[in-house]
Amino acid sequence: MKKVLLLMAVIVSICCSCKKDPLFIREQKVIVEFISNSDDIPVDVMGGNMSSKYIKKYHREVVSISSNGYGFGAYCEDPKTLLTIRVFDSKYRLLQERSGNIEVHVNEHYNRK
């Protein structure tokens, strides 16, 4: 009987510690903003679990990501258009920001060890 109780205590302690470990979070939400400095030029945006879509000027979306990380991209044929991607956590803290012309990507991959 003592062995069964000891085994149950070990299993419960392992399960409880895994839930607190951020690597065991299967899915989380991020807020992604796509910004263009042009009102008229369409920009193709994609990433996460969202479908590829065309936007103009500004688009913000809440996206579910896996525990492996995320990747977002924006593409525009006009080389004069400045593209910016910002990724925020669920508390709206900036995680990553990138700007550029023609094509911009942000990536973050979490490695389990």
PDB file of N, CA and C in Angstrom:
ATOM      1  N   MET A   1       0.812  -1.190   0.000  1.00  0.00           N
ATOM      2  CA  MET A   1       0.000   0.000   0.000  1.00  0.00           C
ATOM      3  C   MET A   1       0.864   1.267   0.000  1.00  0.00           C
ATOM      4  N   LYS A   2       1.976   1.223   0.771  1.00  0.00           N
ATOM      5  CA  LYS A   2       2.864   2.382   0.819  1.00  0.00           C
ATOM      6  C   LYS A   2       3.488   2.647  -0.542  1.00  0.00           C
ATOM      7  N   LYS A   3       3.796   1.576  -1.286  1.00  0.00           N
ATOM      8  CA  LYS A   3       4.395   1.742  -2.619  1.00  0.00           C
ATOM      9  C   LYS A   3       3.420   2.409  -3.573  1.00  0.00           C
ATOM     10  N   VAL A   4       2.163   2.040  -3.488  1.00  0.00           N
ATOM     11  CA  VAL A   4       1.140   2.640  -4.362  1.00  0.00           C
ATOM     12  C   VAL A   4       0.983   4.125  -4.051  1.00  0.00           C
ATOM     13  N   LEU A   5       0.920   4.470  -2.768  1.00  0.00           N
ATOM     14  CA  LEU A   5       0.806   5.879  -2.378  1.00  0.00           C
ATOM     15  C   LEU A   5       2.035   6.672  -2.795  1.00  0.00           C
ATOM     16  N   LEU A   6       3.201   6.103  -2.635  1.00  0.00           N
ATOM     17  CA  LEU A   6       4.436   6.763  -3.043  1.00  0.00           C
ATOM     18  C   LEU A   6       4.453   6.987  -4.554  1.00  0.00           C
ATOM     19  N   LEU A   7       4.054   5.966  -5.303  1.00  0.00           N
ATOM     20  CA  LEU A   7       4.001   6.088  -6.764  1.00  0.00           C
ATOM     21  C   LEU A   7       3.007   7.167  -7.179  1.00  0.00           C
ATOM     22  N   MET A   8       1.849   7.211  -6.552  1.00  0.00           N
ATOM     23  CA  MET A   8       0.853   8.240  -6.873  1.00  0.00           C
ATOM     24  C   MET A   8       1.376   9.633  -6.545  1.00  0.00           C
ATOM     25  N   ALA A   9       2.083   9.782  -5.437  1.00  0.00           N
ATOM     26  CA  ALA A   9       2.645  11.078  -5.051  1.00  0.00           C
ATOM     27  C   ALA A   9       3.680  11.548  -6.067  1.00  0.00           C
ATOM     28  N   VAL A  10       4.510  10.636  -6.547  1.00  0.00           N
ATOM     29  CA  VAL A  10       5.518  10.979  -7.557  1.00  0.00           C
ATOM     30  C   VAL A  10       4.842  11.415  -8.857  1.00  0.00           C
ATOM     31  N   ILE A  11       3.829  10.682  -9.294  1.00  0.00           N
ATOM     32  CA  ILE A  11       3.130  11.018 -10.539  1.00  0.00           C
ATOM     33  C   ILE A  11       2.453  12.382 -10.431  1.00  0.00           C
ATOM     34  N   VAL A  12       1.799  12.647  -9.323  1.00  0.00           N
ATOM     35  CA  VAL A  12       1.134  13.940  -9.122  1.00  0.00           C
ATOM     36  C   VAL A  12       2.153  15.071  -9.120  1.00  0.00           C
ATOM     37  N   SER A  13       3.279  14.893  -8.468  1.00  0.00           N
ATOM     38  CA  SER A  13       4.282  15.961  -8.427  1.00  0.00           C
ATOM     39  C   SER A  13       4.880  16.223  -9.805  1.00  0.00           C
ATOM     40  N   ILE A  14       5.069  15.193 -10.601  1.00  0.00           N
ATOM     41  CA  ILE A  14       5.590  15.368 -11.967  1.00  0.00           C
ATOM     42  C   ILE A  14       4.573  16.110 -12.816  1.00  0.00           C
ATOM     43  N   CYS A  15       3.323  15.710 -12.745  1.00  0.00           N
ATOM     44  CA  CYS A  15       2.275  16.362 -13.535  1.00  0.00           C
ATOM     45  C   CYS A  15       2.117  17.824 -13.158  1.00  0.00           C
ATOM     46  N   CYS A  16       2.161  18.139 -11.898  1.00  0.00           N
ATOM     47  CA  CYS A  16       2.005  19.527 -11.446  1.00  0.00           C
ATOM     48  C   CYS A  16       3.182  20.386 -11.889  1.00  0.00           C
ATOM     49  N   SER A  17       4.391  19.860 -11.854  1.00  0.00           N
ATOM     50  CA  SER A  17       5.556  20.646 -12.255  1.00  0.00           C
ATOM     51  C   SER A  17       5.566  20.883 -13.757  1.00  0.00           C
ATOM     52  N   CYS A  18       5.040  19.958 -14.558  1.00  0.00           N
ATOM     53  CA  CYS A  18       5.003  20.138 -16.010  1.00  0.00           C
ATOM     54  C   CYS A  18       4.052  21.245 -16.411  1.00  0.00           C
ATOM     55  N   LYS A  19       2.961  21.417 -15.710  1.00  0.00           N
ATOM     56  CA  LYS A  19       1.993  22.450 -16.057  1.00  0.00           C
ATOM     57  C   LYS A  19       2.568  23.840 -15.858  1.00  0.00           C
ATOM     58  N   LYS A  20       3.504  24.011 -14.949  1.00  0.00           N
ATOM     59  CA  LYS A  20       4.097  25.316 -14.693  1.00  0.00           C
ATOM     60  C   LYS A  20       5.231  25.627 -15.658  1.00  0.00           C
ATOM     61  N   ASP A  21       5.774  24.631 -16.293  1.00  0.00           N
ATOM     62  CA  ASP A  21       6.893  24.798 -17.217  1.00  0.00           C
ATOM     63  C   ASP A  21       6.393  25.407 -18.524  1.00  0.00           C
ATOM     64  N   PRO A  22       6.938  26.580 -18.964  1.00  0.00           N
ATOM     65  CA  PRO A  22       6.454  27.218 -20.190  1.00  0.00           C
ATOM     66  C   PRO A  22       6.649  26.358 -21.436  1.00  0.00           C
ATOM     67  N   LEU A  23       7.567  25.412 -21.410  1.00  0.00           N
ATOM     68  CA  LEU A  23       7.755  24.572 -22.588  1.00  0.00           C
ATOM     69  C   LEU A  23       6.602  23.596 -22.797  1.00  0.00           C
ATOM     70  N   PHE A  24       5.789  23.395 -21.763  1.00  0.00           N
ATOM     71  CA  PHE A  24       4.672  22.470 -21.894  1.00  0.00           C
ATOM     72  C   PHE A  24       3.388  23.178 -22.315  1.00  0.00           C
ATOM     73  N   ILE A  25       3.423  24.476 -22.520  1.00  0.00           N
ATOM     74  CA  ILE A  25       2.255  25.187 -23.029  1.00  0.00           C
ATOM     75  C   ILE A  25       2.109  24.814 -24.499  1.00  0.00           C
ATOM     76  N   ARG A  26       0.994  24.230 -24.855  1.00  0.00           N
ATOM     77  CA  ARG A  26       0.794  23.733 -26.217  1.00  0.00           C
ATOM     78  C   ARG A  26       0.422  24.839 -27.189  1.00  0.00           C
ATOM     79  N   GLU A  27      -0.355  25.799 -26.739  1.00  0.00           N
ATOM     80  CA  GLU A  27      -0.801  26.857 -27.633  1.00  0.00           C
ATOM     81  C   GLU A  27      -0.920  28.140 -26.835  1.00  0.00           C
ATOM     82  N   GLN A  28      -0.510  29.228 -27.440  1.00  0.00           N
ATOM     83  CA  GLN A  28      -0.658  30.525 -26.796  1.00  0.00           C
ATOM     84  C   GLN A  28      -1.047  31.542 -27.847  1.00  0.00           C
ATOM     85  N   LYS A  29      -1.445  32.697 -27.409  1.00  0.00           N
ATOM     86  CA  LYS A  29      -1.912  33.740 -28.321  1.00  0.00           C
ATOM     87  C   LYS A  29      -0.896  34.873 -28.371  1.00  0.00           C
ATOM     88  N   VAL A  30      -0.715  35.419 -29.574  1.00  0.00           N
ATOM     89  CA  VAL A  30       0.071  36.628 -29.768  1.00  0.00           C
ATOM     90  C   VAL A  30      -0.769  37.599 -30.587  1.00  0.00           C
ATOM     91  N   ILE A  31      -0.425  38.861 -30.485  1.00  0.00           N
ATOM     92  CA  ILE A  31      -1.061  39.901 -31.279  1.00  0.00           C
ATOM     93  C   ILE A  31      -0.044  40.329 -32.324  1.00  0.00           C
ATOM     94  N   VAL A  32      -0.446  40.298 -33.581  1.00  0.00           N
ATOM     95  CA  VAL A  32       0.469  40.688 -34.653  1.00  0.00           C
ATOM     96  C   VAL A  32      -0.116  41.893 -35.380  1.00  0.00           C
ATOM     97  N   GLU A  33       0.752  42.888 -35.626  1.00  0.00           N
ATOM     98  CA  GLU A  33       0.361  44.083 -36.371  1.00  0.00           C
ATOM     99  C   GLU A  33       1.194  44.159 -37.646  1.00  0.00           C
ATOM    100  N   PHE A  34       0.520  44.407 -38.750  1.00  0.00           N
ATOM    101  CA  PHE A  34       1.163  44.641 -40.033  1.00  0.00           C
ATOM    102  C   PHE A  34       0.894  46.094 -40.390  1.00  0.00           C
ATOM    103  N   ILE A  35       1.958  46.856 -40.671  1.00  0.00           N
ATOM    104  CA  ILE A  35       1.826  48.287 -40.932  1.00  0.00           C
ATOM    105  C   ILE A  35       2.531  48.616 -42.242  1.00  0.00           C
ATOM    106  N   SER A  36       1.866  49.410 -43.066  1.00  0.00           N
ATOM    107  CA  SER A  36       2.440  49.885 -44.326  1.00  0.00           C
ATOM    108  C   SER A  36       2.360  51.406 -44.329  1.00  0.00           C
ATOM    109  N   ASN A  37       3.353  52.068 -44.903  1.00  0.00           N
ATOM    110  CA  ASN A  37       3.307  53.528 -44.944  1.00  0.00           C
ATOM    111  C   ASN A  37       2.575  54.043 -46.189  1.00  0.00           C
ATOM    112  N   SER A  38       1.938  53.154 -46.929  1.00  0.00           N
ATOM    113  CA  SER A  38       1.205  53.539 -48.136  1.00  0.00           C
ATOM    114  C   SER A  38      -0.269  53.171 -47.987  1.00  0.00           C
ATOM    115  N   ASP A  39      -1.143  54.116 -48.320  1.00  0.00           N
ATOM    116  CA  ASP A  39      -2.587  53.860 -48.249  1.00  0.00           C
ATOM    117  C   ASP A  39      -3.102  53.074 -49.447  1.00  0.00           C
ATOM    118  N   ASP A  40      -2.406  53.139 -50.570  1.00  0.00           N
ATOM    119  CA  ASP A  40      -2.933  52.602 -51.826  1.00  0.00           C
ATOM    120  C   ASP A  40      -2.321  51.284 -52.279  1.00  0.00           C
ATOM    121  N   ILE A  41      -1.165  50.934 -51.793  1.00  0.00           N
ATOM    122  CA  ILE A  41      -0.452  49.743 -52.271  1.00  0.00           C
ATOM    123  C   ILE A  41      -0.877  48.525 -51.450  1.00  0.00           C
ATOM    124  N   PRO A  42      -1.357  47.450 -52.107  1.00  0.00           N
ATOM    125  CA  PRO A  42      -1.721  46.247 -51.351  1.00  0.00           C
ATOM    126  C   PRO A  42      -0.483  45.503 -50.840  1.00  0.00           C
ATOM    127  N   VAL A  43      -0.618  44.966 -49.639  1.00  0.00           N
ATOM    128  CA  VAL A  43       0.457  44.215 -49.001  1.00  0.00           C
ATOM    129  C   VAL A  43      -0.077  42.821 -48.672  1.00  0.00           C
ATOM    130  N   ASP A  44       0.653  41.795 -49.075  1.00  0.00           N
ATOM    131  CA  ASP A  44       0.280  40.410 -48.776  1.00  0.00           C
ATOM    132  C   ASP A  44       0.891  40.037 -47.425  1.00  0.00           C
ATOM    133  N   VAL A  45       0.035  39.644 -46.472  1.00  0.00           N
ATOM    134  CA  VAL A  45       0.507  39.267 -45.136  1.00  0.00           C
ATOM    135  C   VAL A  45       0.110  37.831 -44.849  1.00  0.00           C
ATOM    136  N   MET A  46       0.944  37.137 -44.048  1.00  0.00           N
ATOM    137  CA  MET A  46       0.680  35.734 -43.736  1.00  0.00           C
ATOM    138  C   MET A  46       1.420  35.339 -42.476  1.00  0.00           C
ATOM    139  N   GLY A  47       1.041  34.169 -41.937  1.00  0.00           N
ATOM    140  CA  GLY A  47       1.768  33.612 -40.807  1.00  0.00           C
ATOM    141  C   GLY A  47       0.854  33.067 -39.745  1.00  0.00           C
ATOM    142  N   GLY A  48       1.444  32.322 -38.823  1.00  0.00           N
ATOM    143  CA  GLY A  48       0.666  31.713 -37.755  1.00  0.00           C
ATOM    144  C   GLY A  48      -0.409  30.810 -38.321  1.00  0.00           C
ATOM    145  N   ASN A  49      -1.596  30.892 -37.765  1.00  0.00           N
ATOM    146  CA  ASN A  49      -2.703  30.095 -38.287  1.00  0.00           C
ATOM    147  C   ASN A  49      -3.625  30.929 -39.168  1.00  0.00           C
ATOM    148  N   MET A  50      -3.212  32.144 -39.538  1.00  0.00           N
ATOM    149  CA  MET A  50      -4.049  32.990 -40.386  1.00  0.00           C
ATOM    150  C   MET A  50      -3.758  32.739 -41.859  1.00  0.00           C
ATOM    151  N   SER A  51      -4.783  32.862 -42.673  1.00  0.00           N
ATOM    152  CA  SER A  51      -4.630  32.691 -44.117  1.00  0.00           C
ATOM    153  C   SER A  51      -3.928  33.911 -44.693  1.00  0.00           C
ATOM    154  N   SER A  52      -3.301  33.723 -45.838  1.00  0.00           N
ATOM    155  CA  SER A  52      -2.694  34.838 -46.549  1.00  0.00           C
ATOM    156  C   SER A  52      -3.795  35.815 -46.951  1.00  0.00           C
ATOM    157  N   LYS A  53      -3.557  37.113 -46.725  1.00  0.00           N
ATOM    158  CA  LYS A  53      -4.560  38.112 -47.089  1.00  0.00           C
ATOM    159  C   LYS A  53      -3.878  39.394 -47.517  1.00  0.00           C
ATOM    160  N   TYR A  54      -4.599  40.187 -48.291  1.00  0.00           N
ATOM    161  CA  TYR A  54      -4.098  41.486 -48.720  1.00  0.00           C
ATOM    162  C   TYR A  54      -4.671  42.565 -47.812  1.00  0.00           C
ATOM    163  N   ILE A  55      -3.796  43.469 -47.406  1.00  0.00           N
ATOM    164  CA  ILE A  55      -4.214  44.581 -46.549  1.00  0.00           C
ATOM    165  C   ILE A  55      -3.710  45.886 -47.164  1.00  0.00           C
ATOM    166  N   LYS A  56      -4.238  46.990 -46.650  1.00  0.00           N
ATOM    167  CA  LYS A  56      -3.708  48.313 -46.966  1.00  0.00           C
ATOM    168  C   LYS A  56      -3.545  49.063 -45.658  1.00  0.00           C
ATOM    169  N   LYS A  57      -2.434  49.678 -45.459  1.00  0.00           N
ATOM    170  CA  LYS A  57      -2.082  50.533 -44.329  1.00  0.00           C
ATOM    171  C   LYS A  57      -1.857  49.786 -43.013  1.00  0.00           C
ATOM    172  N   TYR A  58      -2.906  49.124 -42.439  1.00  0.00           N
ATOM    173  CA  TYR A  58      -2.767  48.571 -41.092  1.00  0.00           C
ATOM    174  C   TYR A  58      -3.698  47.375 -40.915  1.00  0.00           C
ATOM    175  N   HIS A  59      -3.168  46.356 -40.233  1.00  0.00           N
ATOM    176  CA  HIS A  59      -3.990  45.193 -39.886  1.00  0.00           C
ATOM    177  C   HIS A  59      -3.467  44.631 -38.577  1.00  0.00           C
ATOM    178  N   ARG A  60      -4.398  44.350 -37.652  1.00  0.00           N
ATOM    179  CA  ARG A  60      -4.032  43.741 -36.373  1.00  0.00           C
ATOM    180  C   ARG A  60      -4.905  42.512 -36.170  1.00  0.00           C
ATOM    181  N   GLU A  61      -4.276  41.433 -35.659  1.00  0.00           N
ATOM    182  CA  GLU A  61      -5.001  40.187 -35.466  1.00  0.00           C
ATOM    183  C   GLU A  61      -4.413  39.425 -34.277  1.00  0.00           C
ATOM    184  N   VAL A  62      -5.294  38.758 -33.539  1.00  0.00           N
ATOM    185  CA  VAL A  62      -4.867  37.862 -32.474  1.00  0.00           C
ATOM    186  C   VAL A  62      -4.725  36.478 -33.091  1.00  0.00           C
ATOM    187  N   VAL A  63      -3.547  35.866 -32.918  1.00  0.00           N
ATOM    188  CA  VAL A  63      -3.226  34.615 -33.591  1.00  0.00           C
ATOM    189  C   VAL A  63      -2.794  33.577 -32.559  1.00  0.00           C
ATOM    190  N   SER A  64      -3.287  32.369 -32.700  1.00  0.00           N
ATOM    191  CA  SER A  64      -2.836  31.256 -31.864  1.00  0.00           C
ATOM    192  C   SER A  64      -1.561  30.685 -32.463  1.00  0.00           C
ATOM    193  N   ILE A  65      -0.575  30.446 -31.611  1.00  0.00           N
ATOM    194  CA  ILE A  65       0.677  29.861 -32.083  1.00  0.00           C
ATOM    195  C   ILE A  65       0.959  28.597 -31.283  1.00  0.00           C
ATOM    196  N   SER A  66       1.747  27.724 -31.853  1.00  0.00           N
ATOM    197  CA  SER A  66       2.109  26.488 -31.165  1.00  0.00           C
ATOM    198  C   SER A  66       3.270  26.744 -30.218  1.00  0.00           C
ATOM    199  N   SER A  67       3.597  25.750 -29.434  1.00  0.00           N
ATOM    200  CA  SER A  67       4.704  25.891 -28.494  1.00  0.00           C
ATOM    201  C   SER A  67       6.060  25.879 -29.202  1.00  0.00           C
ATOM    202  N   ASN A  68       6.084  25.587 -30.497  1.00  0.00           N
ATOM    203  CA  ASN A  68       7.342  25.574 -31.250  1.00  0.00           C
ATOM    204  C   ASN A  68       7.791  26.967 -31.675  1.00  0.00           C
ATOM    205  N   GLY A  69       6.886  27.954 -31.676  1.00  0.00           N
ATOM    206  CA  GLY A  69       7.248  29.301 -32.071  1.00  0.00           C
ATOM    207  C   GLY A  69       6.283  29.877 -33.085  1.00  0.00           C
ATOM    208  N   TYR A  70       6.725  30.937 -33.761  1.00  0.00           N
ATOM    209  CA  TYR A  70       5.858  31.592 -34.742  1.00  0.00           C
ATOM    210  C   TYR A  70       6.685  32.137 -35.894  1.00  0.00           C
ATOM    211  N   GLY A  71       5.994  32.478 -36.971  1.00  0.00           N
ATOM    212  CA  GLY A  71       6.610  33.120 -38.121  1.00  0.00           C
ATOM    213  C   GLY A  71       5.549  33.911 -38.870  1.00  0.00           C
ATOM    214  N   PHE A  72       5.860  35.176 -39.189  1.00  0.00           N
ATOM    215  CA  PHE A  72       4.949  36.038 -39.936  1.00  0.00           C
ATOM    216  C   PHE A  72       5.729  36.733 -41.031  1.00  0.00           C
ATOM    217  N   GLY A  73       5.035  37.061 -42.116  1.00  0.00           N
ATOM    218  CA  GLY A  73       5.685  37.733 -43.224  1.00  0.00           C
ATOM    219  C   GLY A  73       4.763  38.718 -43.912  1.00  0.00           C
ATOM    220  N   ALA A  74       5.375  39.699 -44.572  1.00  0.00           N
ATOM    221  CA  ALA A  74       4.646  40.690 -45.364  1.00  0.00           C
ATOM    222  C   ALA A  74       5.424  40.916 -46.652  1.00  0.00           C
ATOM    223  N   TYR A  75       4.678  41.067 -47.765  1.00  0.00           N
ATOM    224  CA  TYR A  75       5.314  41.240 -49.067  1.00  0.00           C
ATOM    225  C   TYR A  75       4.579  42.316 -49.850  1.00  0.00           C
ATOM    226  N   CYS A  76       5.348  43.170 -50.516  1.00  0.00           N
ATOM    227  CA  CYS A  76       4.787  44.234 -51.344  1.00  0.00           C
ATOM    228  C   CYS A  76       5.699  44.435 -52.546  1.00  0.00           C
ATOM    229  N   GLU A  77       5.120  44.643 -53.725  1.00  0.00           N
ATOM    230  CA  GLU A  77       5.930  44.804 -54.939  1.00  0.00           C
ATOM    231  C   GLU A  77       6.558  46.183 -55.068  1.00  0.00           C
ATOM    232  N   ASP A  78       6.027  47.176 -54.369  1.00  0.00           N
ATOM    233  CA  ASP A  78       6.551  48.539 -54.461  1.00  0.00           C
ATOM    234  C   ASP A  78       7.771  48.692 -53.546  1.00  0.00           C
ATOM    235  N   PRO A  79       8.958  48.953 -54.114  1.00  0.00           N
ATOM    236  CA  PRO A  79      10.163  49.055 -53.282  1.00  0.00           C
ATOM    237  C   PRO A  79      10.199  50.295 -52.381  1.00  0.00           C
ATOM    238  N   LYS A  80       9.302  51.261 -52.609  1.00  0.00           N
ATOM    239  CA  LYS A  80       9.269  52.474 -51.788  1.00  0.00           C
ATOM    240  C   LYS A  80       8.379  52.325 -50.559  1.00  0.00           C
ATOM    241  N   THR A  81       7.595  51.279 -50.517  1.00  0.00           N
ATOM    242  CA  THR A  81       6.683  51.069 -49.393  1.00  0.00           C
ATOM    243  C   THR A  81       7.423  50.447 -48.215  1.00  0.00           C
ATOM    244  N   LEU A  82       7.317  51.083 -47.058  1.00  0.00           N
ATOM    245  CA  LEU A  82       7.941  50.568 -45.845  1.00  0.00           C
ATOM    246  C   LEU A  82       6.955  49.646 -45.141  1.00  0.00           C
ATOM    247  N   LEU A  83       7.390  48.430 -44.859  1.00  0.00           N
ATOM    248  CA  LEU A  83       6.570  47.429 -44.188  1.00  0.00           C
ATOM    249  C   LEU A  83       7.108  47.210 -42.776  1.00  0.00           C
ATOM    250  N   THR A  84       6.205  47.090 -41.814  1.00  0.00           N
ATOM    251  CA  THR A  84       6.588  46.825 -40.434  1.00  0.00           C
ATOM    252  C   THR A  84       5.705  45.721 -39.876  1.00  0.00           C
ATOM    253  N   ILE A  85       6.325  44.788 -39.172  1.00  0.00           N
ATOM    254  CA  ILE A  85       5.587  43.742 -38.457  1.00  0.00           C
ATOM    255  C   ILE A  85       5.969  43.854 -36.986  1.00  0.00           C
ATOM    256  N   ARG A  86       4.950  43.881 -36.132  1.00  0.00           N
ATOM    257  CA  ARG A  86       5.161  43.894 -34.684  1.00  0.00           C
ATOM    258  C   ARG A  86       4.417  42.716 -34.079  1.00  0.00           C
ATOM    259  N   VAL A  87       5.076  42.016 -33.162  1.00  0.00           N
ATOM    260  CA  VAL A  87       4.460  40.883 -32.470  1.00  0.00           C
ATOM    261  C   VAL A  87       4.466  41.194 -30.979  1.00  0.00           C
ATOM    262  N   PHE A  88       3.278  41.061 -30.354  1.00  0.00           N
ATOM    263  CA  PHE A  88       3.097  41.336 -28.932  1.00  0.00           C
ATOM    264  C   PHE A  88       2.610  40.075 -28.233  1.00  0.00           C
ATOM    265  N   ASP A  89       2.905  39.956 -26.958  1.00  0.00           N
ATOM    266  CA  ASP A  89       2.324  38.859 -26.182  1.00  0.00           C
ATOM    267  C   ASP A  89       0.892  39.232 -25.803  1.00  0.00           C
ATOM    268  N   SER A  90       0.230  38.366 -25.061  1.00  0.00           N
ATOM    269  CA  SER A  90      -1.179  38.587 -24.727  1.00  0.00           C
ATOM    270  C   SER A  90      -1.393  39.784 -23.792  1.00  0.00           C
ATOM    271  N   LYS A  91      -0.323  40.252 -23.150  1.00  0.00           N
ATOM    272  CA  LYS A  91      -0.418  41.439 -22.290  1.00  0.00           C
ATOM    273  C   LYS A  91       0.043  42.696 -23.028  1.00  0.00           C
ATOM    274  N   TYR A  92       0.164  42.587 -24.337  1.00  0.00           N
ATOM    275  CA  TYR A  92       0.552  43.665 -25.253  1.00  0.00           C
ATOM    276  C   TYR A  92       1.964  44.206 -24.970  1.00  0.00           C
ATOM    277  N   ARG A  93       2.869  43.303 -24.593  1.00  0.00           N
ATOM    278  CA  ARG A  93       4.286  43.643 -24.476  1.00  0.00           C
ATOM    279  C   ARG A  93       4.954  43.266 -25.784  1.00  0.00           C
ATOM    280  N   LEU A  94       5.741  44.172 -26.326  1.00  0.00           N
ATOM    281  CA  LEU A  94       6.394  43.945 -27.617  1.00  0.00           C
ATOM    282  C   LEU A  94       7.407  42.801 -27.517  1.00  0.00           C
ATOM    283  N   LEU A  95       7.239  41.792 -28.371  1.00  0.00           N
ATOM    284  CA  LEU A  95       8.173  40.669 -28.428  1.00  0.00           C
ATOM    285  C   LEU A  95       9.195  40.862 -29.543  1.00  0.00           C
ATOM    286  N   GLN A  96       8.724  41.382 -30.677  1.00  0.00           N
ATOM    287  CA  GLN A  96       9.611  41.505 -31.825  1.00  0.00           C
ATOM    288  C   GLN A  96       9.051  42.539 -32.792  1.00  0.00           C
ATOM    289  N   GLU A  97       9.949  43.258 -33.467  1.00  0.00           N
ATOM    290  CA  GLU A  97       9.550  44.229 -34.485  1.00  0.00           C
ATOM    291  C   GLU A  97      10.590  44.231 -35.593  1.00  0.00           C
ATOM    292  N   ARG A  98      10.121  44.226 -36.832  1.00  0.00           N
ATOM    293  CA  ARG A  98      11.018  44.297 -37.990  1.00  0.00           C
ATOM    294  C   ARG A  98      10.397  45.213 -39.032  1.00  0.00           C
ATOM    295  N   SER A  99      11.231  45.971 -39.723  1.00  0.00           N
ATOM    296  CA  SER A  99      10.784  46.844 -40.808  1.00  0.00           C
ATOM    297  C   SER A  99      11.697  46.663 -42.002  1.00  0.00           C
ATOM    298  N   GLY A 100      11.149  46.934 -43.176  1.00  0.00           N
ATOM    299  CA  GLY A 100      11.941  46.856 -44.391  1.00  0.00           C
ATOM    300  C   GLY A 100      11.071  47.112 -45.610  1.00  0.00           C
ATOM    301  N   ASN A 101      11.686  47.037 -46.754  1.00  0.00           N
ATOM    302  CA  ASN A 101      10.985  47.233 -48.020  1.00  0.00           C
ATOM    303  C   ASN A 101      10.876  45.899 -48.755  1.00  0.00           C
ATOM    304  N   ILE A 102       9.877  45.766 -49.565  1.00  0.00           N
ATOM    305  CA  ILE A 102       9.555  44.618 -50.413  1.00  0.00           C
ATOM    306  C   ILE A 102       9.144  43.383 -49.598  1.00  0.00           C
ATOM    307  N   GLU A 103       9.981  42.884 -48.684  1.00  0.00           N
ATOM    308  CA  GLU A 103       9.651  41.673 -47.939  1.00  0.00           C
ATOM    309  C   GLU A 103      10.209  41.750 -46.517  1.00  0.00           C
ATOM    310  N   VAL A 104       9.357  41.426 -45.538  1.00  0.00           N
ATOM    311  CA  VAL A 104       9.757  41.467 -44.133  1.00  0.00           C
ATOM    312  C   VAL A 104       9.269  40.187 -43.461  1.00  0.00           C
ATOM    313  N   HIS A 105      10.117  39.601 -42.603  1.00  0.00           N
ATOM    314  CA  HIS A 105       9.765  38.390 -41.869  1.00  0.00           C
ATOM    315  C   HIS A 105      10.161  38.543 -40.405  1.00  0.00           C
ATOM    316  N   VAL A 106       9.334  37.987 -39.508  1.00  0.00           N
ATOM    317  CA  VAL A 106       9.714  37.831 -38.104  1.00  0.00           C
ATOM    318  C   VAL A 106       9.518  36.368 -37.756  1.00  0.00           C
ATOM    319  N   ASN A 107      10.484  35.804 -37.047  1.00  0.00           N
ATOM    320  CA  ASN A 107      10.445  34.397 -36.654  1.00  0.00           C
ATOM    321  C   ASN A 107      10.944  34.260 -35.240  1.00  0.00           C
ATOM    322  N   GLU A 108      10.348  33.331 -34.532  1.00  0.00           N
ATOM    323  CA  GLU A 108      10.838  32.959 -33.218  1.00  0.00           C
ATOM    324  C   GLU A 108      10.552  31.480 -33.048  1.00  0.00           C
ATOM    325  N   HIS A 109      11.602  30.708 -32.795  1.00  0.00           N
ATOM    326  CA  HIS A 109      11.446  29.277 -32.624  1.00  0.00           C
ATOM    327  C   HIS A 109      11.962  28.889 -31.249  1.00  0.00           C
ATOM    328  N   TYR A 110      11.167  28.101 -30.557  1.00  0.00           N
ATOM    329  CA  TYR A 110      11.525  27.650 -29.218  1.00  0.00           C
ATOM    330  C   TYR A 110      12.063  26.245 -29.316  1.00  0.00           C
ATOM    331  N   ASN A 111      13.247  26.032 -28.815  1.00  0.00           N
ATOM    332  CA  ASN A 111      13.861  24.690 -28.832  1.00  0.00           C
ATOM    333  C   ASN A 111      13.672  24.027 -27.486  1.00  0.00           C
ATOM    334  N   ARG A 112      13.211  22.816 -27.522  1.00  0.00           N
ATOM    335  CA  ARG A 112      13.091  22.034 -26.296  1.00  0.00           C
ATOM    336  C   ARG A 112      14.377  21.288 -26.049  1.00  0.00           C
ATOM    337  N   LYS A 113      14.826  21.318 -24.819  1.00  0.00           N
ATOM    338  CA  LYS A 113      16.050  20.603 -24.472  1.00  0.00           C
ATOM    339  C   LYS A 113      15.801  19.665 -23.357  1.00  0.00           C
TER     340      LYS A 113
END
